[in-house]
Amino acid sequence: MKKFARLFQIKTKTEVFLITYALGLGAAKRGEAYLMQYPGFGGKLLFLCCLGAVVVAAAKMLQAVELQQMFGVD
């Protein structure tokens, strides 16, 4: 059961970067859909919001991994 639970834990910065890449691809794809659905400024704003959410999530994950490594919390 612990091996299965380990699949859902992020322990290293490399894992954070891989997850961020996947989130970024999905956000860019969703942003493209917004640009098609809402042409003009609204679509561009929604596109930037999608990508901004990924940047914020990546920063929080990196911060959590650094704290985890610093204090050795499992």
C-alpha atoms as a PDB file:
ATOM      1  CA  MET A   1       0.000   0.000   0.000  1.00  0.00           C
ATOM      2  CA  LYS A   2       2.898   2.374   0.703  1.00  0.00           C
ATOM      3  CA  LYS A   3       4.272   1.841  -2.818  1.00  0.00           C
ATOM      4  CA  PHE A   4       0.903   2.768  -4.251  1.00  0.00           C
ATOM      5  CA  ALA A   5       0.683   5.872  -2.046  1.00  0.00           C
ATOM      6  CA  ARG A   6       4.198   6.904  -3.182  1.00  0.00           C
ATOM      7  CA  LEU A   7       2.849   7.369  -6.725  1.00  0.00           C
ATOM      8  CA  PHE A   8       0.873  10.372  -5.490  1.00  0.00           C
ATOM      9  CA  GLN A   9       3.675  12.089  -3.573  1.00  0.00           C
ATOM     10  CA  ILE A  10       6.005  14.677  -5.062  1.00  0.00           C
ATOM     11  CA  LYS A  11       9.454  14.326  -3.503  1.00  0.00           C
ATOM     12  CA  THR A  12      11.955  15.952  -5.889  1.00  0.00           C
ATOM     13  CA  LYS A  13      12.246  19.100  -7.969  1.00  0.00           C
ATOM     14  CA  THR A  14      12.508  16.956 -11.099  1.00  0.00           C
ATOM     15  CA  GLU A  15       9.044  15.574 -10.419  1.00  0.00           C
ATOM     16  CA  VAL A  16       7.749  19.120  -9.940  1.00  0.00           C
ATOM     17  CA  PHE A  17       9.191  20.184 -13.303  1.00  0.00           C
ATOM     18  CA  LEU A  18       7.648  17.171 -15.067  1.00  0.00           C
ATOM     19  CA  ILE A  19       4.253  17.878 -13.531  1.00  0.00           C
ATOM     20  CA  THR A  20       4.571  21.562 -14.412  1.00  0.00           C
ATOM     21  CA  TYR A  21       5.345  20.644 -18.020  1.00  0.00           C
ATOM     22  CA  ALA A  22       2.225  18.480 -18.215  1.00  0.00           C
ATOM     23  CA  LEU A  23       0.089  21.180 -16.590  1.00  0.00           C
ATOM     24  CA  GLY A  24       1.527  23.758 -18.983  1.00  0.00           C
ATOM     25  CA  LEU A  25       0.649  21.682 -22.020  1.00  0.00           C
ATOM     26  CA  GLY A  26      -2.915  21.279 -20.803  1.00  0.00           C
ATOM     27  CA  ALA A  27      -3.220  24.964 -19.971  1.00  0.00           C
ATOM     28  CA  ALA A  28      -1.911  25.979 -23.392  1.00  0.00           C
ATOM     29  CA  LYS A  29      -4.403  23.655 -25.074  1.00  0.00           C
ATOM     30  CA  ARG A  30      -7.244  25.082 -22.981  1.00  0.00           C
ATOM     31  CA  GLY A  31      -5.990  28.586 -23.739  1.00  0.00           C
ATOM     32  CA  GLU A  32      -6.157  27.850 -27.464  1.00  0.00           C
ATOM     33  CA  ALA A  33      -9.769  26.810 -27.033  1.00  0.00           C
ATOM     34  CA  TYR A  34     -10.489  30.070 -25.225  1.00  0.00           C
ATOM     35  CA  LEU A  35      -8.892  32.043 -28.066  1.00  0.00           C
ATOM     36  CA  MET A  36     -11.151  30.305 -30.570  1.00  0.00           C
ATOM     37  CA  GLN A  37     -14.268  30.656 -28.436  1.00  0.00           C
ATOM     38  CA  TYR A  38     -13.647  34.238 -27.291  1.00  0.00           C
ATOM     39  CA  PRO A  39     -11.733  36.153 -29.966  1.00  0.00           C
ATOM     40  CA  GLY A  40     -10.105  39.405 -28.954  1.00  0.00           C
ATOM     41  CA  PHE A  41      -9.042  40.683 -25.574  1.00  0.00           C
ATOM     42  CA  GLY A  42     -11.256  38.319 -23.542  1.00  0.00           C
ATOM     43  CA  GLY A  43      -9.725  35.211 -25.072  1.00  0.00           C
ATOM     44  CA  LYS A  44      -6.205  36.514 -24.572  1.00  0.00           C
ATOM     45  CA  LEU A  45      -6.970  37.325 -20.953  1.00  0.00           C
ATOM     46  CA  LEU A  46      -8.351  33.835 -20.308  1.00  0.00           C
ATOM     47  CA  PHE A  47      -5.300  32.329 -22.054  1.00  0.00           C
ATOM     48  CA  LEU A  48      -2.989  34.266 -19.736  1.00  0.00           C
ATOM     49  CA  CYS A  49      -5.036  33.212 -16.711  1.00  0.00           C
ATOM     50  CA  CYS A  50      -4.597  29.552 -17.660  1.00  0.00           C
ATOM     51  CA  LEU A  51      -0.843  29.933 -17.929  1.00  0.00           C
ATOM     52  CA  GLY A  52      -0.651  32.078 -14.809  1.00  0.00           C
ATOM     53  CA  ALA A  53      -2.359  29.366 -12.782  1.00  0.00           C
ATOM     54  CA  VAL A  54       0.331  26.911 -13.867  1.00  0.00           C
ATOM     55  CA  VAL A  55       3.099  29.304 -12.806  1.00  0.00           C
ATOM     56  CA  VAL A  56       1.520  29.794  -9.375  1.00  0.00           C
ATOM     57  CA  ALA A  57       1.027  26.041  -8.906  1.00  0.00           C
ATOM     58  CA  ALA A  58       4.627  25.342  -9.915  1.00  0.00           C
ATOM     59  CA  ALA A  59       5.942  27.936  -7.464  1.00  0.00           C
ATOM     60  CA  LYS A  60       3.911  26.454  -4.616  1.00  0.00           C
ATOM     61  CA  MET A  61       5.031  22.902  -5.443  1.00  0.00           C
ATOM     62  CA  LEU A  62       8.683  23.948  -5.591  1.00  0.00           C
ATOM     63  CA  GLN A  63       8.354  25.762  -2.285  1.00  0.00           C
ATOM     64  CA  ALA A  64       6.734  22.712  -0.681  1.00  0.00           C
ATOM     65  CA  VAL A  65       9.445  20.366  -1.959  1.00  0.00           C
ATOM     66  CA  GLU A  66      12.191  22.682  -0.704  1.00  0.00           C
ATOM     67  CA  LEU A  67      10.594  22.879   2.746  1.00  0.00           C
ATOM     68  CA  GLN A  68      10.114  19.136   2.779  1.00  0.00           C
ATOM     69  CA  GLN A  69      13.782  18.559   1.963  1.00  0.00           C
ATOM     70  CA  MET A  70      14.925  21.200   4.448  1.00  0.00           C
ATOM     71  CA  PHE A  71      13.005  19.822   7.406  1.00  0.00           C
ATOM     72  CA  GLY A  72      12.956  16.160   6.366  1.00  0.00           C
ATOM     73  CA  VAL A  73       9.208  15.817   6.712  1.00  0.00           C
ATOM     74  CA  ASP A  74       7.760  12.658   5.170  1.00  0.00           C
END
